[in-house]
C-alpha atoms as a PDB file:
ATOM      1  CA  MET A   1      82.545  78.923  76.537  1.00  0.00           C
ATOM      2  CA  ALA A   2      84.337  79.409  73.198  1.00  0.00           C
ATOM      3  CA  ILE A   3      82.771  81.589  70.497  1.00  0.00           C
ATOM      4  CA  GLY A   4      84.103  80.871  66.995  1.00  0.00           C
ATOM      5  CA  SER A   5      83.917  82.514  63.603  1.00  0.00           C
ATOM      6  CA  ARG A   6      84.172  80.104  60.695  1.00  0.00           C
ATOM      7  CA  LEU A   7      86.991  80.565  58.219  1.00  0.00           C
ATOM      8  CA  LYS A   8      84.446  80.843  55.407  1.00  0.00           C
ATOM      9  CA  GLY A   9      81.154  82.343  56.390  1.00  0.00           C
ATOM     10  CA  SER A  10      79.472  85.409  57.834  1.00  0.00           C
ATOM     11  CA  PHE A  11      79.808  86.296  61.506  1.00  0.00           C
ATOM     12  CA  LEU A  12      77.079  88.786  62.386  1.00  0.00           C
ATOM     13  CA  GLY A  13      76.999  88.246  66.116  1.00  0.00           C
ATOM     14  CA  TYR A  14      75.694  85.859  68.736  1.00  0.00           C
ATOM     15  CA  SER A  15      73.961  85.727  72.108  1.00  0.00           C
ATOM     16  CA  VAL A  16      74.725  83.672  75.227  1.00  0.00           C
ATOM     17  CA  GLN A  17      71.891  83.727  77.766  1.00  0.00           C
ATOM     18  CA  LEU A  18      71.486  82.302  81.250  1.00  0.00           C
ATOM     19  CA  LEU A  19      67.930  81.635  82.419  1.00  0.00           C
ATOM     20  CA  ALA A  20      66.478  80.495  85.730  1.00  0.00           C
ATOM     21  CA  GLY A  21      62.978  79.042  85.686  1.00  0.00           C
ATOM     22  CA  GLY A  22      62.578  80.383  82.149  1.00  0.00           C
ATOM     23  CA  ALA A  23      63.437  83.964  83.165  1.00  0.00           C
ATOM     24  CA  LEU A  24      66.480  85.676  81.625  1.00  0.00           C
ATOM     25  CA  ILE A  25      68.947  86.626  84.370  1.00  0.00           C
ATOM     26  CA  ALA A  26      72.172  87.365  82.400  1.00  0.00           C
ATOM     27  CA  GLN A  27      73.429  87.551  78.824  1.00  0.00           C
ATOM     28  CA  GLU A  28      76.612  88.301  76.866  1.00  0.00           C
ATOM     29  CA  ALA A  29      77.162  89.241  73.199  1.00  0.00           C
ATOM     30  CA  SER A  30      80.309  91.381  73.050  1.00  0.00           C
ATOM     31  CA  LEU A  31      82.938  89.315  71.199  1.00  0.00           C
ATOM     32  CA  SER A  32      83.931  89.553  67.515  1.00  0.00           C
ATOM     33  CA  PRO A  33      86.433  86.763  66.819  1.00  0.00           C
ATOM     34  CA  ALA A  34      88.443  86.961  63.625  1.00  0.00           C
ATOM     35  CA  ALA A  35      87.659  84.456  60.882  1.00  0.00           C
ATOM     36  CA  GLY A  36      88.977  81.017  61.745  1.00  0.00           C
ATOM     37  CA  THR A  37      89.468  81.807  65.462  1.00  0.00           C
ATOM     38  CA  PHE A  38      87.740  81.360  68.812  1.00  0.00           C
ATOM     39  CA  GLU A  39      87.428  83.730  71.765  1.00  0.00           C
ATOM     40  CA  THR A  40      86.303  82.969  75.305  1.00  0.00           C
ATOM     41  CA  SER A  41      82.944  84.248  76.480  1.00  0.00           C
ATOM     42  CA  THR A  42      82.326  84.496  80.224  1.00  0.00           C
ATOM     43  CA  LEU A  43      78.915  85.144  81.726  1.00  0.00           C
ATOM     44  CA  SER A  44      78.258  85.463  85.457  1.00  0.00           C
ATOM     45  CA  TYR A  45      75.350  86.049  87.786  1.00  0.00           C
ATOM     46  CA  THR A  46      75.536  86.642  91.539  1.00  0.00           C
ATOM     47  CA  ALA A  47      72.529  85.530  93.572  1.00  0.00           C
ATOM     48  CA  GLN A  48      72.166  87.378  96.862  1.00  0.00           C
ATOM     49  CA  ALA A  49      70.345  86.047  99.917  1.00  0.00           C
ATOM     50  CA  GLY A  50      66.593  85.914  99.200  1.00  0.00           C
ATOM     51  CA  ASP A  51      67.051  85.948  95.415  1.00  0.00           C
ATOM     52  CA  PRO A  52      63.726  84.635  93.939  1.00  0.00           C
ATOM     53  CA  HIS A  53      65.667  82.621  91.328  1.00  0.00           C
ATOM     54  CA  LEU A  54      67.432  80.440  93.897  1.00  0.00           C
ATOM     55  CA  GLY A  55      66.514  76.752  93.476  1.00  0.00           C
ATOM     56  CA  LEU A  56      65.002  77.175  89.994  1.00  0.00           C
ATOM     57  CA  PRO A  57      66.172  75.089  86.985  1.00  0.00           C
ATOM     58  CA  LEU A  58      68.994  76.748  85.037  1.00  0.00           C
ATOM     59  CA  GLU A  59      69.186  76.921  81.249  1.00  0.00           C
ATOM     60  CA  ILE A  60      71.938  78.094  78.881  1.00  0.00           C
ATOM     61  CA  ARG A  61      70.591  79.386  75.572  1.00  0.00           C
ATOM     62  CA  LEU A  62      72.882  79.982  72.556  1.00  0.00           C
ATOM     63  CA  ALA A  63      71.875  81.883  69.425  1.00  0.00           C
ATOM     64  CA  SER A  64      73.423  83.418  66.324  1.00  0.00           C
ATOM     65  CA  VAL A  65      72.400  86.731  64.788  1.00  0.00           C
ATOM     66  CA  GLY A  66      71.155  86.750  61.207  1.00  0.00           C
ATOM     67  CA  LEU A  67      69.432  84.128  59.089  1.00  0.00           C
ATOM     68  CA  ARG A  68      72.552  82.937  57.278  1.00  0.00           C
ATOM     69  CA  ALA A  69      75.153  83.789  59.896  1.00  0.00           C
ATOM     70  CA  GLN A  70      77.309  80.954  61.166  1.00  0.00           C
ATOM     71  CA  VAL A  71      78.639  80.940  64.749  1.00  0.00           C
ATOM     72  CA  SER A  72      80.522  78.065  66.365  1.00  0.00           C
ATOM     73  CA  PHE A  73      80.016  77.303  70.069  1.00  0.00           C
ATOM     74  CA  ASP A  74      82.356  75.005  72.001  1.00  0.00           C
ATOM     75  CA  ASN A  75      83.481  74.065  75.514  1.00  0.00           C
ATOM     76  CA  VAL A  76      80.293  75.178  77.267  1.00  0.00           C
ATOM     77  CA  GLN A  77      80.736  75.048  81.056  1.00  0.00           C
ATOM     78  CA  LEU A  78      78.586  75.996  84.033  1.00  0.00           C
ATOM     79  CA  THR A  79      80.173  76.470  87.458  1.00  0.00           C
ATOM     80  CA  ALA A  80      78.540  77.363  90.783  1.00  0.00           C
ATOM     81  CA  CYS A  81      80.763  79.310  93.177  1.00  0.00           C
ATOM     82  CA  PRO A  82      80.233  80.681  96.698  1.00  0.00           C
ATOM     83  CA  SER A  83      79.775  84.447  96.641  1.00  0.00           C
ATOM     84  CA  VAL A  84      81.185  85.156 100.121  1.00  0.00           C
ATOM     85  CA  ALA A  85      84.914  84.958 100.776  1.00  0.00           C
ATOM     86  CA  ASP A  86      85.826  82.947 103.873  1.00  0.00           C
ATOM     87  CA  VAL A  87      89.529  83.746 103.433  1.00  0.00           C
ATOM     88  CA  LEU A  88      90.853  87.185 102.469  1.00  0.00           C
ATOM     89  CA  VAL A  89      94.182  87.526 100.651  1.00  0.00           C
ATOM     90  CA  VAL A  90      96.618  90.448 100.264  1.00  0.00           C
ATOM     91  CA  ALA A  91      99.714  90.413  98.030  1.00  0.00           C
ATOM     92  CA  THR A  92     102.367  93.094  98.613  1.00  0.00           C
ATOM     93  CA  PRO A  93     105.316  93.568  96.226  1.00  0.00           C
ATOM     94  CA  THR A  94     108.757  94.397  97.630  1.00  0.00           C
ATOM     95  CA  THR A  95     109.719  96.216  94.430  1.00  0.00           C
ATOM     96  CA  ALA A  96     107.911  97.945  91.587  1.00  0.00           C
ATOM     97  CA  CYS A  97     110.054  96.512  88.809  1.00  0.00           C
ATOM     98  CA  VAL A  98     112.618  93.842  88.062  1.00  0.00           C
ATOM     99  CA  PHE A  99     115.070  93.083  85.284  1.00  0.00           C
ATOM    100  CA  PRO A 100     115.060  90.084  82.910  1.00  0.00           C
ATOM    101  CA  GLY A 101     116.967  87.246  84.527  1.00  0.00           C
ATOM    102  CA  GLY A 102     116.218  88.623  87.986  1.00  0.00           C
ATOM    103  CA  THR A 103     113.819  87.376  90.623  1.00  0.00           C
ATOM    104  CA  LEU A 104     110.479  88.943  91.518  1.00  0.00           C
ATOM    105  CA  ARG A 105     109.730  88.732  95.234  1.00  0.00           C
ATOM    106  CA  PHE A 106     106.524  89.613  97.038  1.00  0.00           C
ATOM    107  CA  ASP A 107     104.705  88.848 100.277  1.00  0.00           C
ATOM    108  CA  VAL A 108     101.314  87.136 100.580  1.00  0.00           C
ATOM    109  CA  SER A 109      99.028  87.190 103.615  1.00  0.00           C
ATOM    110  CA  ALA A 110      95.739  85.259 103.915  1.00  0.00           C
ATOM    111  CA  LEU A 111      93.243  85.447 106.803  1.00  0.00           C
ATOM    112  CA  ASN A 112      90.471  83.000 107.663  1.00  0.00           C
ATOM    113  CA  THR A 113      87.590  85.218 108.786  1.00  0.00           C
ATOM    114  CA  THR A 114      85.466  82.326 110.046  1.00  0.00           C
ATOM    115  CA  GLY A 115      85.392  80.249 113.203  1.00  0.00           C
ATOM    116  CA  SER A 116      85.717  77.024 111.213  1.00  0.00           C
ATOM    117  CA  THR A 117      88.624  75.192 109.614  1.00  0.00           C
ATOM    118  CA  VAL A 118      88.723  76.061 105.898  1.00  0.00           C
ATOM    119  CA  VAL A 119      90.665  74.476 103.023  1.00  0.00           C
ATOM    120  CA  GLN A 120      91.288  76.836 100.107  1.00  0.00           C
ATOM    121  CA  ASP A 121      93.339  76.799  96.916  1.00  0.00           C
ATOM    122  CA  ILE A 122      95.742  79.656  96.320  1.00  0.00           C
ATOM    123  CA  TRP A 123      97.311  80.451  92.947  1.00  0.00           C
ATOM    124  CA  ILE A 124      98.839  83.327  91.001  1.00  0.00           C
ATOM    125  CA  ASP A 125      97.995  84.434  87.459  1.00  0.00           C
ATOM    126  CA  ALA A 126      99.922  86.936  85.339  1.00  0.00           C
ATOM    127  CA  PHE A 127      98.499  89.275  82.714  1.00  0.00           C
ATOM    128  CA  LYS A 128     100.142  91.148  79.859  1.00  0.00           C
ATOM    129  CA  PRO A 129     100.037  94.965  79.623  1.00  0.00           C
ATOM    130  CA  ASN A 130      97.022  94.662  77.289  1.00  0.00           C
ATOM    131  CA  GLY A 131      95.163  92.574  79.890  1.00  0.00           C
ATOM    132  CA  ASP A 132      95.526  89.208  78.147  1.00  0.00           C
ATOM    133  CA  PRO A 133      96.451  86.276  80.408  1.00  0.00           C
ATOM    134  CA  LEU A 134     100.016  85.056  80.213  1.00  0.00           C
ATOM    135  CA  ALA A 135     100.497  81.665  78.578  1.00  0.00           C
ATOM    136  CA  GLY A 136     101.098  79.038  81.228  1.00  0.00           C
ATOM    137  CA  ASN A 137      98.885  80.528  83.931  1.00  0.00           C
ATOM    138  CA  PRO A 138      98.909  79.967  86.802  1.00  0.00           C
ATOM    139  CA  ILE A 139     102.566  80.903  87.208  1.00  0.00           C
ATOM    140  CA  VAL A 140     102.441  79.716  90.833  1.00  0.00           C
ATOM    141  CA  GLY A 141     100.191  77.021  92.300  1.00  0.00           C
ATOM    142  CA  PRO A 142      97.519  75.974  92.777  1.00  0.00           C
ATOM    143  CA  ARG A 143      98.308  74.909  96.316  1.00  0.00           C
ATOM    144  CA  ALA A 144      95.728  73.702  98.833  1.00  0.00           C
ATOM    145  CA  VAL A 145      96.118  75.428 102.210  1.00  0.00           C
ATOM    146  CA  THR A 146      94.348  74.520 105.452  1.00  0.00           C
ATOM    147  CA  PHE A 147      93.353  77.466 107.652  1.00  0.00           C
ATOM    148  CA  ALA A 148      92.513  76.983 111.299  1.00  0.00           C
ATOM    149  CA  PRO A 149      89.685  79.165 112.667  1.00  0.00           C
ATOM    150  CA  PHE A 150      90.582  82.881 112.443  1.00  0.00           C
ATOM    151  CA  ARG A 151      94.144  81.983 111.484  1.00  0.00           C
ATOM    152  CA  GLN A 152      96.363  84.222 109.380  1.00  0.00           C
ATOM    153  CA  ILE A 153      99.098  82.697 107.216  1.00  0.00           C
ATOM    154  CA  GLN A 154     101.925  84.779 105.789  1.00  0.00           C
ATOM    155  CA  GLY A 155     104.671  83.869 103.357  1.00  0.00           C
ATOM    156  CA  SER A 156     107.013  85.109 100.639  1.00  0.00           C
ATOM    157  CA  VAL A 157     106.925  84.195  96.963  1.00  0.00           C
ATOM    158  CA  SER A 158     109.936  84.214  94.628  1.00  0.00           C
ATOM    159  CA  PHE A 159     109.414  84.012  90.884  1.00  0.00           C
ATOM    160  CA  PRO A 160     112.315  84.007  88.403  1.00  0.00           C
ATOM    161  CA  ILE A 161     111.949  86.277  85.365  1.00  0.00           C
ATOM    162  CA  PRO A 162     113.228  84.654  82.140  1.00  0.00           C
ATOM    163  CA  ALA A 163     116.263  86.426  80.709  1.00  0.00           C
ATOM    164  CA  SER A 164     114.629  86.305  77.271  1.00  0.00           C
ATOM    165  CA  VAL A 165     111.823  88.694  78.230  1.00  0.00           C
ATOM    166  CA  PRO A 166     112.427  92.068  76.519  1.00  0.00           C
ATOM    167  CA  ALA A 167     112.921  95.175  78.626  1.00  0.00           C
ATOM    168  CA  PRO A 168     111.700  97.774  79.149  1.00  0.00           C
ATOM    169  CA  SER A 169     108.189  96.392  79.068  1.00  0.00           C
ATOM    170  CA  GLY A 170     105.067  96.417  81.186  1.00  0.00           C
ATOM    171  CA  PRO A 171     103.395  96.981  83.413  1.00  0.00           C
ATOM    172  CA  PHE A 172     102.386  93.354  83.891  1.00  0.00           C
ATOM    173  CA  THR A 173      99.702  92.508  86.435  1.00  0.00           C
ATOM    174  CA  LEU A 174     100.152  89.716  88.963  1.00  0.00           C
ATOM    175  CA  LYS A 175      96.947  88.505  90.575  1.00  0.00           C
ATOM    176  CA  THR A 176      96.915  86.297  93.659  1.00  0.00           C
ATOM    177  CA  LEU A 177      93.657  84.350  93.957  1.00  0.00           C
ATOM    178  CA  ILE A 178      92.143  82.202  96.683  1.00  0.00           C
ATOM    179  CA  GLY A 179      89.121  79.928  96.547  1.00  0.00           C
ATOM    180  CA  THR A 180      88.507  76.756  94.508  1.00  0.00           C
ATOM    181  CA  PHE A 181      90.842  76.400  91.525  1.00  0.00           C
ATOM    182  CA  PRO A 182      90.372  77.256  88.718  1.00  0.00           C
ATOM    183  CA  ASP A 183      86.882  78.687  88.316  1.00  0.00           C
ATOM    184  CA  CYS A 184      85.818  79.813  91.774  1.00  0.00           C
ATOM    185  CA  PRO A 185      88.137  82.421  93.282  1.00  0.00           C
ATOM    186  CA  THR A 186      86.398  84.153  96.180  1.00  0.00           C
ATOM    187  CA  ASP A 187      89.041  86.814  96.806  1.00  0.00           C
ATOM    188  CA  SER A 188      92.056  88.225  95.007  1.00  0.00           C
ATOM    189  CA  SER A 189      94.808  90.828  95.288  1.00  0.00           C
ATOM    190  CA  SER A 190      96.675  92.390  92.348  1.00  0.00           C
ATOM    191  CA  PHE A 191      99.689  94.606  91.747  1.00  0.00           C
ATOM    192  CA  ASP A 192     101.642  95.792  88.702  1.00  0.00           C
ATOM    193  CA  ILE A 193     105.270  95.082  87.900  1.00  0.00           C
ATOM    194  CA  SER A 194     107.482  96.500  85.139  1.00  0.00           C
ATOM    195  CA  LEU A 195     110.598  95.058  83.524  1.00  0.00           C
ATOM    196  CA  VAL A 196     113.620  97.352  83.231  1.00  0.00           C
ATOM    197  CA  PRO A 197     116.973  96.832  81.518  1.00  0.00           C
ATOM    198  CA  GLN A 198     119.678  95.412  83.723  1.00  0.00           C
ATOM    199  CA  GLN A 199     122.398  98.021  83.614  1.00  0.00           C
ATOM    200  CA  ASN A 200     124.863  99.423  86.110  1.00  0.00           C
ATOM    201  CA  THR A 201     123.449  97.542  89.097  1.00  0.00           C
ATOM    202  CA  ALA A 202     126.757  97.811  90.960  1.00  0.00           C
ATOM    203  CA  CYS A 203     126.838  99.930  94.117  1.00  0.00           C
ATOM    204  CA  PRO A 204     128.356 103.418  94.009  1.00  0.00           C
ATOM    205  CA  GLN A 205     131.875 103.725  95.364  1.00  0.00           C
ATOM    206  CA  GLY A 206     130.867 106.451  97.792  1.00  0.00           C
ATOM    207  CA  VAL A 207     129.095 109.797  98.160  1.00  0.00           C
ATOM    208  CA  THR A 208     129.922 113.460  98.273  1.00  0.00           C
ATOM    209  CA  VAL A 209     127.988 115.483 100.857  1.00  0.00           C
ATOM    210  CA  THR A 210     126.578 118.989 100.409  1.00  0.00           C
ATOM    211  CA  HIS A 211     124.302 121.057 102.680  1.00  0.00           C
ATOM    212  CA  VAL A 212     120.946 121.885 101.058  1.00  0.00           C
ATOM    213  CA  GLY A 213     119.062 123.977 103.625  1.00  0.00           C
ATOM    214  CA  THR A 214     117.644 124.488 107.106  1.00  0.00           C
ATOM    215  CA  ILE A 215     114.413 122.791 108.222  1.00  0.00           C
ATOM    216  CA  THR A 216     112.020 123.946 110.936  1.00  0.00           C
ATOM    217  CA  ASP A 217     108.971 121.842 111.797  1.00  0.00           C
ATOM    218  CA  GLY A 218     107.497 122.939 115.129  1.00  0.00           C
ATOM    219  CA  ASN A 219     109.911 121.830 117.829  1.00  0.00           C
ATOM    220  CA  ARG A 220     111.790 119.721 115.272  1.00  0.00           C
ATOM    221  CA  LEU A 221     114.865 121.575 114.078  1.00  0.00           C
ATOM    222  CA  GLY A 222     117.230 120.160 111.510  1.00  0.00           C
ATOM    223  CA  GLU A 223     119.290 120.397 108.377  1.00  0.00           C
ATOM    224  CA  GLN A 224     118.989 118.824 104.944  1.00  0.00           C
ATOM    225  CA  PHE A 225     121.948 117.277 103.185  1.00  0.00           C
ATOM    226  CA  GLN A 226     122.336 115.834  99.698  1.00  0.00           C
ATOM    227  CA  TYR A 227     124.338 112.663  99.069  1.00  0.00           C
ATOM    228  CA  THR A 228     125.553 112.507  95.463  1.00  0.00           C
ATOM    229  CA  PHE A 229     126.672 109.040  94.428  1.00  0.00           C
ATOM    230  CA  THR A 230     130.233 108.735  93.131  1.00  0.00           C
ATOM    231  CA  PRO A 231     131.305 108.291  90.448  1.00  0.00           C
ATOM    232  CA  GLN A 232     128.570 110.562  89.076  1.00  0.00           C
ATOM    233  CA  GLN A 233     126.631 108.297  86.735  1.00  0.00           C
ATOM    234  CA  ASP A 234     123.235 106.620  86.508  1.00  0.00           C
ATOM    235  CA  TYR A 235     122.586 103.835  89.027  1.00  0.00           C
ATOM    236  CA  PHE A 236     119.812 101.264  88.708  1.00  0.00           C
ATOM    237  CA  ILE A 237     119.735 100.011  92.280  1.00  0.00           C
ATOM    238  CA  ASP A 238     117.615  99.651  95.380  1.00  0.00           C
ATOM    239  CA  PHE A 239     118.916 101.954  98.103  1.00  0.00           C
ATOM    240  CA  ARG A 240     118.498 102.277 101.864  1.00  0.00           C
ATOM    241  CA  GLU A 241     120.226 103.552 104.997  1.00  0.00           C
ATOM    242  CA  VAL A 242     120.885 101.828 108.312  1.00  0.00           C
ATOM    243  CA  VAL A 243     121.549 104.115 111.298  1.00  0.00           C
ATOM    244  CA  THR A 244     122.989 102.992 114.641  1.00  0.00           C
ATOM    245  CA  THR A 245     123.436 105.163 117.719  1.00  0.00           C
ATOM    246  CA  PRO A 246     126.090 104.003 120.178  1.00  0.00           C
ATOM    247  CA  PRO A 247     125.075 103.997 123.856  1.00  0.00           C
ATOM    248  CA  GLY A 248     126.220 106.814 126.072  1.00  0.00           C
ATOM    249  CA  ASP A 249     124.074 109.831 125.125  1.00  0.00           C
ATOM    250  CA  ASP A 250     124.117 112.321 127.989  1.00  0.00           C
ATOM    251  CA  GLY A 251     120.318 112.405 128.325  1.00  0.00           C
ATOM    252  CA  CYS A 252     119.898 116.031 127.325  1.00  0.00           C
ATOM    253  CA  ASN A 253     117.587 115.381 124.366  1.00  0.00           C
ATOM    254  CA  CYS A 254     120.263 114.932 121.747  1.00  0.00           C
ATOM    255  CA  GLY A 255     118.988 111.833 119.918  1.00  0.00           C
ATOM    256  CA  LEU A 256     118.906 111.923 116.114  1.00  0.00           C
ATOM    257  CA  ASP A 257     115.787 111.549 113.986  1.00  0.00           C
ATOM    258  CA  GLU A 258     116.436 110.947 110.282  1.00  0.00           C
ATOM    259  CA  THR A 259     114.274 110.912 107.192  1.00  0.00           C
ATOM    260  CA  ILE A 260     116.048 109.904 104.001  1.00  0.00           C
ATOM    261  CA  ILE A 261     114.247 111.024 100.848  1.00  0.00           C
ATOM    262  CA  ILE A 262     114.691 109.260  97.532  1.00  0.00           C
ATOM    263  CA  GLU A 263     112.308 108.318  94.752  1.00  0.00           C
ATOM    264  CA  SER A 264     111.510 105.067  96.537  1.00  0.00           C
ATOM    265  CA  VAL A 265     113.319 103.552  99.496  1.00  0.00           C
ATOM    266  CA  PHE A 266     113.396  99.726  99.246  1.00  0.00           C
ATOM    267  CA  GLY A 267     111.832 100.237  95.823  1.00  0.00           C
ATOM    268  CA  CYS A 268     112.657 100.099  92.164  1.00  0.00           C
ATOM    269  CA  PHE A 269     112.762 103.250  90.126  1.00  0.00           C
ATOM    270  CA  ASP A 270     111.305 104.001  86.708  1.00  0.00           C
ATOM    271  CA  GLY A 271     114.532 105.832  85.845  1.00  0.00           C
ATOM    272  CA  PRO A 272     118.107 106.049  87.072  1.00  0.00           C
ATOM    273  CA  ILE A 273     119.103 107.634  90.388  1.00  0.00           C
ATOM    274  CA  ARG A 274     122.130 109.772  91.150  1.00  0.00           C
ATOM    275  CA  PHE A 275     121.562 111.182  94.620  1.00  0.00           C
ATOM    276  CA  ALA A 276     119.496 111.000  97.804  1.00  0.00           C
ATOM    277  CA  THR A 277     118.422 113.743 100.201  1.00  0.00           C
ATOM    278  CA  ASP A 278     118.675 113.256 103.961  1.00  0.00           C
ATOM    279  CA  ASP A 279     116.726 115.255 106.581  1.00  0.00           C
ATOM    280  CA  ILE A 280     118.407 115.155 110.008  1.00  0.00           C
ATOM    281  CA  PHE A 281     116.188 116.407 112.865  1.00  0.00           C
ATOM    282  CA  ASN A 282     116.090 116.763 116.592  1.00  0.00           C
ATOM    283  CA  THR A 283     113.165 117.816 118.777  1.00  0.00           C
ATOM    284  CA  VAL A 284     114.406 120.672 120.940  1.00  0.00           C
ATOM    285  CA  HIS A 285     112.540 122.201 123.872  1.00  0.00           C
ATOM    286  CA  ALA A 286     113.340 125.467 125.627  1.00  0.00           C
ATOM    287  CA  GLY A 287     115.106 124.968 128.925  1.00  0.00           C
ATOM    288  CA  THR A 288     117.068 121.869 127.947  1.00  0.00           C
ATOM    289  CA  ALA A 289     120.781 121.775 128.532  1.00  0.00           C
ATOM    290  CA  CYS A 290     123.360 123.316 126.234  1.00  0.00           C
ATOM    291  CA  GLY A 291     126.635 121.696 125.328  1.00  0.00           C
ATOM    292  CA  CYS A 292     125.283 118.195 124.633  1.00  0.00           C
ATOM    293  CA  ALA A 293     125.982 116.023 121.599  1.00  0.00           C
ATOM    294  CA  SER A 294     124.853 112.767 120.004  1.00  0.00           C
ATOM    295  CA  VAL A 295     126.811 110.776 117.435  1.00  0.00           C
ATOM    296  CA  SER A 296     125.403 108.117 115.102  1.00  0.00           C
ATOM    297  CA  THR A 297     126.805 105.924 112.357  1.00  0.00           C
ATOM    298  CA  GLN A 298     124.913 105.797 109.059  1.00  0.00           C
ATOM    299  CA  GLU A 299     125.538 102.924 106.656  1.00  0.00           C
ATOM    300  CA  LEU A 300     124.421 103.544 103.069  1.00  0.00           C
ATOM    301  CA  GLN A 301     123.503 100.264 101.400  1.00  0.00           C
ATOM    302  CA  CYS A 302     122.491  99.140  97.931  1.00  0.00           C
ATOM    303  CA  ARG A 303     121.587  96.004  96.010  1.00  0.00           C
ATOM    304  CA  PRO A 304     120.734  95.256  92.361  1.00  0.00           C
ATOM    305  CA  ARG A 305     117.153  96.152  91.591  1.00  0.00           C
ATOM    306  CA  GLY A 306     114.768  93.492  92.803  1.00  0.00           C
ATOM    307  CA  GLY A 307     117.499  91.709  94.769  1.00  0.00           C
ATOM    308  CA  GLY A 308     116.935  89.657  97.893  1.00  0.00           C
ATOM    309  CA  ASP A 309     117.461  90.454 101.566  1.00  0.00           C
ATOM    310  CA  ASN A 310     120.925  88.890 101.452  1.00  0.00           C
ATOM    311  CA  ASP A 311     122.020  91.118  98.551  1.00  0.00           C
ATOM    312  CA  TRP A 312     122.301  94.375 100.525  1.00  0.00           C
ATOM    313  CA  MET A 313     125.875  95.728 100.604  1.00  0.00           C
ATOM    314  CA  THR A 314     127.273  98.653 102.577  1.00  0.00           C
ATOM    315  CA  PHE A 315     129.112 100.928 100.160  1.00  0.00           C
ATOM    316  CA  HIS A 316     129.620 104.013 102.344  1.00  0.00           C
ATOM    317  CA  VAL A 317     129.567 105.083 106.003  1.00  0.00           C
ATOM    318  CA  ASN A 318     128.804 108.544 107.383  1.00  0.00           C
ATOM    319  CA  GLU A 319     129.221 109.850 110.920  1.00  0.00           C
ATOM    320  CA  LEU A 320     126.276 112.020 111.972  1.00  0.00           C
ATOM    321  CA  LYS A 321     126.634 114.445 114.853  1.00  0.00           C
ATOM    322  CA  TRP A 322     123.867 116.556 116.364  1.00  0.00           C
ATOM    323  CA  GLU A 323     124.970 118.991 119.080  1.00  0.00           C
ATOM    324  CA  ARG A 324     123.805 121.976 121.020  1.00  0.00           C
ATOM    325  CA  ALA A 325     126.620 124.477 121.263  1.00  0.00           C
ATOM    326  CA  SER A 326     127.306 126.517 124.397  1.00  0.00           C
ATOM    327  CA  ASN A 327     125.615 129.534 122.781  1.00  0.00           C
ATOM    328  CA  GLY A 328     122.422 127.508 122.180  1.00  0.00           C
ATOM    329  CA  ASP A 329     122.863 127.030 118.407  1.00  0.00           C
ATOM    330  CA  ILE A 330     121.833 123.737 116.825  1.00  0.00           C
ATOM    331  CA  VAL A 331     124.759 122.255 114.872  1.00  0.00           C
ATOM    332  CA  VAL A 332     124.459 119.239 112.563  1.00  0.00           C
ATOM    333  CA  THR A 333     127.603 117.686 111.076  1.00  0.00           C
ATOM    334  CA  VAL A 334     127.916 114.925 108.481  1.00  0.00           C
ATOM    335  CA  THR A 335     131.395 113.451 108.104  1.00  0.00           C
ATOM    336  CA  PRO A 336     131.637 111.160 105.067  1.00  0.00           C
ATOM    337  CA  GLN A 337     133.958 108.189 105.185  1.00  0.00           C
ATOM    338  CA  GLY A 338     137.426 109.421 104.215  1.00  0.00           C
ATOM    339  CA  GLY A 339     136.123 112.962 103.687  1.00  0.00           C
ATOM    340  CA  SER A 340     135.882 116.328 105.412  1.00  0.00           C
ATOM    341  CA  PRO A 341     133.038 117.267 107.794  1.00  0.00           C
ATOM    342  CA  VAL A 342     130.110 119.251 106.380  1.00  0.00           C
ATOM    343  CA  SER A 343     128.331 121.324 109.062  1.00  0.00           C
ATOM    344  CA  ALA A 344     125.322 123.598 109.291  1.00  0.00           C
ATOM    345  CA  SER A 345     123.824 125.504 112.225  1.00  0.00           C
ATOM    346  CA  GLN A 346     120.792 127.519 113.242  1.00  0.00           C
ATOM    347  CA  PRO A 347     119.735 129.334 116.424  1.00  0.00           C
ATOM    348  CA  GLY A 348     118.028 127.092 118.967  1.00  0.00           C
ATOM    349  CA  PRO A 349     115.566 127.920 121.782  1.00  0.00           C
ATOM    350  CA  THR A 350     116.768 129.242 125.094  1.00  0.00           C
ATOM    351  CA  CYS A 351     118.629 126.651 127.135  1.00  0.00           C
ATOM    352  CA  ARG A 352     119.381 126.450 130.796  1.00  0.00           C
END
């Protein structure tokens, strides 16, 4: 309901009470609207199985505080909602931030947990950084969806961000709800999103490669390399690597295992990025053959922050080579496209 404070008058407080069979079961009295304005008061009560108030007559009681105080009440509504969610929903963002004029994309999955066909509404609300709802909610939906027994439905949502929205700003909260629109959501899933300035979203022209250090992790031996984007400037991009290994390895345990480390792979960064760190491993056991080698191709790709799957572009290619020399040493070599090889080695276990 709406709680109002008259433009001329004293607002000393109010009380909204919900009673069942004459017994008070919930109340609310927390708002202090400014003179000449209304605020929304929401009061809820959840009745569990066996609740003694079930089936009793309900009453809404409104009161003002003070003998001469004046409170305005309007738009009083009472809604009964199921308390158990038949369908569970999960929303997963594909990026943590997006720029004005860009497109926010995220995945939604909903599962019917019952053995019956269920029809549910699904919609999405947005909230400002201070928690206030965004004007125009819901920003998506509502849409009625039919779920077969125990069926899971998955989909992707794209939402354009107006170019007029100032950046940086946020975080905003996006809340995906399922249930009966608008007053009876039975489940929801939320995540935060920030808006960042759109600047320098072009891909780097390439990378320079430097060796950082040696890595030993049990039987996993490897080297760490740093890829510095060129030209050396701030990049506001999503970044990933795609590695392919041609067929024809000699079977002597020379396959590559890579872990690329950056602030957030497939993500969006709170600040600019200039480089990524790549860990190149192989699991080596004593007694395996010496003199073997494995070669892979690594494509470094980027897209503007918050871009779509079709926006990825390959901006650089490295050749990765892992080999076991005749003396048993482990040698890792990264050869950047159009550049000189950068190698590092360490002693390996005894080989046959």
